[in-house]
Amino acid sequence: MKPANDNSADVTSLKPCDHQAFFEVLDSPPSPTEALRAAFRRTKERSFRQNTWLPKMN
């Protein structure tokens, strides 16, 4: 594995204020919005209708 450099897609440089905000959100994520809850419900319903929630049987 090669080490990441400044031009690597594996590295994201943050300014100090952005760094602080990023890690604060990771420590205390916001509650999901109703739009996000609705999106999860739609995905769950679609998966259930298409039987994608069932394990594949060989």
C-alpha atoms as a PDB file:
ATOM      1  CA  MET A   1       0.000   0.000   0.000  1.00  0.00           C
ATOM      2  CA  LYS A   2       1.428   3.333  -0.987  1.00  0.00           C
ATOM      3  CA  PRO A   3       1.419   6.199   1.514  1.00  0.00           C
ATOM      4  CA  ALA A   4      -1.086   9.000   0.948  1.00  0.00           C
ATOM      5  CA  ASN A   5       0.243  12.323  -0.293  1.00  0.00           C
ATOM      6  CA  ASP A   6      -1.302  15.782  -0.605  1.00  0.00           C
ATOM      7  CA  ASN A   7      -2.620  15.007  -4.095  1.00  0.00           C
ATOM      8  CA  SER A   8      -4.132  11.670  -3.132  1.00  0.00           C
ATOM      9  CA  ALA A   9      -7.901  11.088  -3.285  1.00  0.00           C
ATOM     10  CA  ASP A  10      -7.506   9.367   0.107  1.00  0.00           C
ATOM     11  CA  VAL A  11      -6.584  12.622   1.858  1.00  0.00           C
ATOM     12  CA  THR A  12      -8.932  15.461   2.717  1.00  0.00           C
ATOM     13  CA  SER A  13      -7.314  18.545   4.158  1.00  0.00           C
ATOM     14  CA  LEU A  14      -9.424  20.563   6.567  1.00  0.00           C
ATOM     15  CA  LYS A  15      -8.909  24.019   7.972  1.00  0.00           C
ATOM     16  CA  PRO A  16      -8.729  24.034  11.797  1.00  0.00           C
ATOM     17  CA  CYS A  17     -12.285  25.390  12.150  1.00  0.00           C
ATOM     18  CA  ASP A  18     -13.604  22.749   9.715  1.00  0.00           C
ATOM     19  CA  HIS A  19     -11.654  20.020  11.507  1.00  0.00           C
ATOM     20  CA  GLN A  20     -13.268  20.950  14.819  1.00  0.00           C
ATOM     21  CA  ALA A  21     -16.795  21.097  13.350  1.00  0.00           C
ATOM     22  CA  PHE A  22     -16.349  17.772  11.527  1.00  0.00           C
ATOM     23  CA  PHE A  23     -15.301  15.878  14.634  1.00  0.00           C
ATOM     24  CA  GLU A  24     -17.938  17.540  16.821  1.00  0.00           C
ATOM     25  CA  VAL A  25     -20.644  16.228  14.484  1.00  0.00           C
ATOM     26  CA  LEU A  26     -19.111  12.750  14.572  1.00  0.00           C
ATOM     27  CA  ASP A  27     -19.186  12.834  18.379  1.00  0.00           C
ATOM     28  CA  SER A  28     -22.778  14.160  18.553  1.00  0.00           C
ATOM     29  CA  PRO A  29     -24.645  13.467  15.321  1.00  0.00           C
ATOM     30  CA  PRO A  30     -27.902  15.343  14.753  1.00  0.00           C
ATOM     31  CA  SER A  31     -31.221  13.508  14.926  1.00  0.00           C
ATOM     32  CA  PRO A  32     -32.515  12.249  11.600  1.00  0.00           C
ATOM     33  CA  THR A  33     -34.911  14.583   9.805  1.00  0.00           C
ATOM     34  CA  GLU A  34     -38.374  13.488   8.715  1.00  0.00           C
ATOM     35  CA  ALA A  35     -37.136  13.496   5.100  1.00  0.00           C
ATOM     36  CA  LEU A  36     -34.392  11.010   6.005  1.00  0.00           C
ATOM     37  CA  ARG A  37     -36.840   8.824   7.933  1.00  0.00           C
ATOM     38  CA  ALA A  38     -39.191   8.846   4.929  1.00  0.00           C
ATOM     39  CA  ALA A  39     -36.341   7.847   2.610  1.00  0.00           C
ATOM     40  CA  PHE A  40     -35.493   4.881   4.847  1.00  0.00           C
ATOM     41  CA  ARG A  41     -39.172   3.843   4.943  1.00  0.00           C
ATOM     42  CA  ARG A  42     -39.381   3.963   1.135  1.00  0.00           C
ATOM     43  CA  THR A  43     -36.210   1.899   0.810  1.00  0.00           C
ATOM     44  CA  LYS A  44     -37.438  -0.635   3.357  1.00  0.00           C
ATOM     45  CA  GLU A  45     -40.835  -0.925   1.615  1.00  0.00           C
ATOM     46  CA  ARG A  46     -39.219  -1.283  -1.811  1.00  0.00           C
ATOM     47  CA  SER A  47     -36.826  -3.943  -0.496  1.00  0.00           C
ATOM     48  CA  PHE A  48     -39.696  -5.824   1.116  1.00  0.00           C
ATOM     49  CA  ARG A  49     -41.801  -5.746  -2.076  1.00  0.00           C
ATOM     50  CA  GLN A  50     -38.876  -6.962  -4.181  1.00  0.00           C
ATOM     51  CA  ASN A  51     -37.911  -9.575  -1.564  1.00  0.00           C
ATOM     52  CA  THR A  52     -34.387  -8.137  -1.474  1.00  0.00           C
ATOM     53  CA  TRP A  53     -34.525  -8.332   2.306  1.00  0.00           C
ATOM     54  CA  LEU A  54     -34.510 -12.131   2.082  1.00  0.00           C
ATOM     55  CA  PRO A  55     -31.176 -13.951   1.923  1.00  0.00           C
ATOM     56  CA  LYS A  56     -30.383 -15.491  -1.463  1.00  0.00           C
ATOM     57  CA  MET A  57     -31.011 -19.241  -1.488  1.00  0.00           C
ATOM     58  CA  ASN A  58     -28.822 -21.375  -3.765  1.00  0.00           C
END
